[in-house]
Amino acid sequence: MRARDAYGALIDGVVFADDGSGNPIWIAADGSVRLVDHDNANTVVRLAASFRTLLEENVDD
């Protein structure tokens, strides 16, 4: 709820984490995983095409 209050319409899905610097990470309505970079004028960054892709690219077995 805090992310939605702070960033409004930029958050178009379910926030599940932040990056440790306060930038929310969420699964967007289109299934992609995104982050709002508040240090860069609230730029929305696409981290991965899907949550599955994010895990495959960043988590070791």
N, C-alpha and C. Protein backbone atom coordinates (compact mmCIF):
# COMPACT_ATOMS: atom_id res chain seq x y z
N MET A 1 0.83 -1.19 0.00
CA MET A 1 0.00 0.00 0.00
C MET A 1 0.88 1.26 0.00
N ARG A 2 2.01 1.18 0.68
CA ARG A 2 2.91 2.33 0.73
C ARG A 2 3.42 2.69 -0.67
N ALA A 3 3.74 1.67 -1.47
CA ALA A 3 4.23 1.92 -2.83
C ALA A 3 3.15 2.56 -3.68
N ARG A 4 1.93 2.09 -3.56
CA ARG A 4 0.83 2.69 -4.33
C ARG A 4 0.59 4.13 -3.91
N ASP A 5 0.68 4.40 -2.61
CA ASP A 5 0.51 5.77 -2.12
C ASP A 5 1.62 6.68 -2.66
N ALA A 6 2.84 6.17 -2.70
CA ALA A 6 3.99 6.98 -3.12
C ALA A 6 4.08 7.16 -4.63
N TYR A 7 3.71 6.12 -5.40
CA TYR A 7 3.95 6.15 -6.84
C TYR A 7 2.68 6.11 -7.69
N GLY A 8 1.53 5.95 -7.07
CA GLY A 8 0.26 6.02 -7.77
C GLY A 8 0.15 5.10 -8.96
N ALA A 9 -0.19 5.66 -10.12
CA ALA A 9 -0.47 4.89 -11.33
C ALA A 9 0.76 4.19 -11.90
N LEU A 10 1.97 4.52 -11.45
CA LEU A 10 3.16 3.81 -11.93
C LEU A 10 3.11 2.34 -11.54
N ILE A 11 2.49 2.04 -10.40
CA ILE A 11 2.37 0.67 -9.91
C ILE A 11 1.09 0.07 -10.49
N ASP A 12 1.22 -0.81 -11.46
CA ASP A 12 0.05 -1.38 -12.13
C ASP A 12 -0.08 -2.88 -11.88
N GLY A 13 0.35 -3.31 -10.71
CA GLY A 13 0.30 -4.73 -10.40
C GLY A 13 0.52 -4.96 -8.92
N VAL A 14 1.12 -6.11 -8.59
CA VAL A 14 1.30 -6.53 -7.20
C VAL A 14 2.76 -6.33 -6.79
N VAL A 15 2.98 -5.47 -5.80
CA VAL A 15 4.32 -5.25 -5.25
C VAL A 15 4.65 -6.43 -4.35
N PHE A 16 5.83 -7.03 -4.57
CA PHE A 16 6.22 -8.17 -3.74
C PHE A 16 7.53 -7.96 -3.01
N ALA A 17 8.24 -6.86 -3.30
CA ALA A 17 9.53 -6.62 -2.64
C ALA A 17 9.98 -5.20 -2.92
N ASP A 18 11.11 -4.86 -2.31
CA ASP A 18 11.83 -3.66 -2.72
C ASP A 18 13.30 -4.04 -2.89
N ASP A 19 14.06 -3.14 -3.46
CA ASP A 19 15.45 -3.47 -3.79
C ASP A 19 16.44 -3.15 -2.67
N GLY A 20 15.94 -2.82 -1.50
CA GLY A 20 16.82 -2.47 -0.39
C GLY A 20 17.09 -0.98 -0.29
N SER A 21 16.75 -0.26 -1.33
CA SER A 21 16.89 1.20 -1.34
C SER A 21 15.54 1.89 -1.34
N GLY A 22 14.48 1.11 -1.17
CA GLY A 22 13.15 1.68 -1.14
C GLY A 22 12.42 1.68 -2.47
N ASN A 23 13.05 1.15 -3.51
CA ASN A 23 12.40 1.09 -4.82
C ASN A 23 11.53 -0.16 -4.87
N PRO A 24 10.21 0.00 -5.08
CA PRO A 24 9.34 -1.16 -5.12
C PRO A 24 9.56 -2.01 -6.37
N ILE A 25 9.41 -3.31 -6.20
CA ILE A 25 9.50 -4.27 -7.31
C ILE A 25 8.15 -4.97 -7.37
N TRP A 26 7.58 -5.04 -8.57
CA TRP A 26 6.25 -5.63 -8.70
C TRP A 26 6.10 -6.41 -9.98
N ILE A 27 5.05 -7.25 -9.98
CA ILE A 27 4.64 -7.95 -11.19
C ILE A 27 3.53 -7.11 -11.79
N ALA A 28 3.80 -6.60 -12.98
CA ALA A 28 2.87 -5.70 -13.66
C ALA A 28 1.70 -6.45 -14.27
N ALA A 29 0.71 -5.72 -14.71
CA ALA A 29 -0.49 -6.31 -15.30
C ALA A 29 -0.17 -7.17 -16.51
N ASP A 30 0.92 -6.84 -17.23
CA ASP A 30 1.29 -7.64 -18.41
C ASP A 30 2.18 -8.83 -18.07
N GLY A 31 2.46 -9.05 -16.77
CA GLY A 31 3.26 -10.18 -16.33
C GLY A 31 4.74 -9.89 -16.17
N SER A 32 5.19 -8.75 -16.65
CA SER A 32 6.61 -8.41 -16.51
C SER A 32 6.91 -7.97 -15.08
N VAL A 33 8.19 -8.03 -14.71
CA VAL A 33 8.63 -7.60 -13.38
C VAL A 33 9.30 -6.25 -13.54
N ARG A 34 8.85 -5.29 -12.74
CA ARG A 34 9.33 -3.91 -12.88
C ARG A 34 9.76 -3.33 -11.55
N LEU A 35 10.51 -2.23 -11.66
CA LEU A 35 11.02 -1.51 -10.49
C LEU A 35 10.87 -0.02 -10.77
N VAL A 36 10.54 0.77 -9.75
CA VAL A 36 10.56 2.23 -9.87
C VAL A 36 11.87 2.70 -9.28
N ASP A 37 12.68 3.40 -10.07
CA ASP A 37 13.95 3.94 -9.60
C ASP A 37 13.72 5.37 -9.12
N HIS A 38 13.54 5.53 -7.81
CA HIS A 38 13.23 6.86 -7.28
C HIS A 38 14.43 7.81 -7.35
N ASP A 39 15.64 7.28 -7.50
CA ASP A 39 16.82 8.14 -7.64
C ASP A 39 16.99 8.66 -9.07
N ASN A 40 16.21 8.14 -9.98
CA ASN A 40 16.30 8.52 -11.39
C ASN A 40 14.94 9.03 -11.89
N ALA A 41 14.38 9.99 -11.18
CA ALA A 41 13.13 10.65 -11.56
C ALA A 41 11.97 9.67 -11.69
N ASN A 42 11.91 8.67 -10.80
CA ASN A 42 10.83 7.68 -10.81
C ASN A 42 10.69 6.94 -12.13
N THR A 43 11.82 6.64 -12.74
CA THR A 43 11.83 5.86 -13.97
C THR A 43 11.42 4.43 -13.69
N VAL A 44 10.53 3.89 -14.51
CA VAL A 44 10.12 2.50 -14.39
C VAL A 44 11.09 1.65 -15.22
N VAL A 45 11.70 0.66 -14.57
CA VAL A 45 12.68 -0.21 -15.21
C VAL A 45 12.09 -1.61 -15.30
N ARG A 46 12.13 -2.21 -16.47
CA ARG A 46 11.68 -3.59 -16.64
C ARG A 46 12.84 -4.52 -16.29
N LEU A 47 12.69 -5.30 -15.24
CA LEU A 47 13.74 -6.20 -14.79
C LEU A 47 13.73 -7.53 -15.53
N ALA A 48 12.54 -7.99 -15.91
CA ALA A 48 12.42 -9.28 -16.60
C ALA A 48 11.05 -9.36 -17.28
N ALA A 49 10.97 -10.22 -18.26
CA ALA A 49 9.72 -10.41 -19.00
C ALA A 49 8.65 -11.08 -18.15
N SER A 50 9.08 -11.86 -17.14
CA SER A 50 8.15 -12.55 -16.26
C SER A 50 8.85 -12.86 -14.94
N PHE A 51 8.08 -13.24 -13.94
CA PHE A 51 8.66 -13.62 -12.66
C PHE A 51 9.52 -14.86 -12.83
N ARG A 52 9.06 -15.78 -13.65
CA ARG A 52 9.84 -17.00 -13.92
C ARG A 52 11.20 -16.66 -14.52
N THR A 53 11.22 -15.75 -15.49
CA THR A 53 12.48 -15.32 -16.10
C THR A 53 13.39 -14.65 -15.08
N LEU A 54 12.81 -13.83 -14.23
CA LEU A 54 13.59 -13.17 -13.17
C LEU A 54 14.28 -14.21 -12.30
N LEU A 55 13.55 -15.26 -11.91
CA LEU A 55 14.15 -16.31 -11.08
C LEU A 55 15.21 -17.09 -11.85
N GLU A 56 14.92 -17.45 -13.09
CA GLU A 56 15.89 -18.20 -13.89
C GLU A 56 17.19 -17.44 -14.08
N GLU A 57 17.10 -16.14 -14.21
CA GLU A 57 18.29 -15.33 -14.47
C GLU A 57 19.05 -14.94 -13.21
N ASN A 58 18.41 -15.06 -12.04
CA ASN A 58 19.03 -14.53 -10.83
C ASN A 58 19.17 -15.47 -9.66
N VAL A 59 18.59 -16.67 -9.75
CA VAL A 59 18.66 -17.61 -8.63
C VAL A 59 19.36 -18.88 -9.09
N ASP A 60 20.39 -19.24 -8.36
CA ASP A 60 21.11 -20.49 -8.65
C ASP A 60 20.36 -21.66 -8.06
N ASP A 61 20.50 -22.82 -8.71
CA ASP A 61 19.85 -24.04 -8.21
C ASP A 61 20.44 -24.50 -6.91
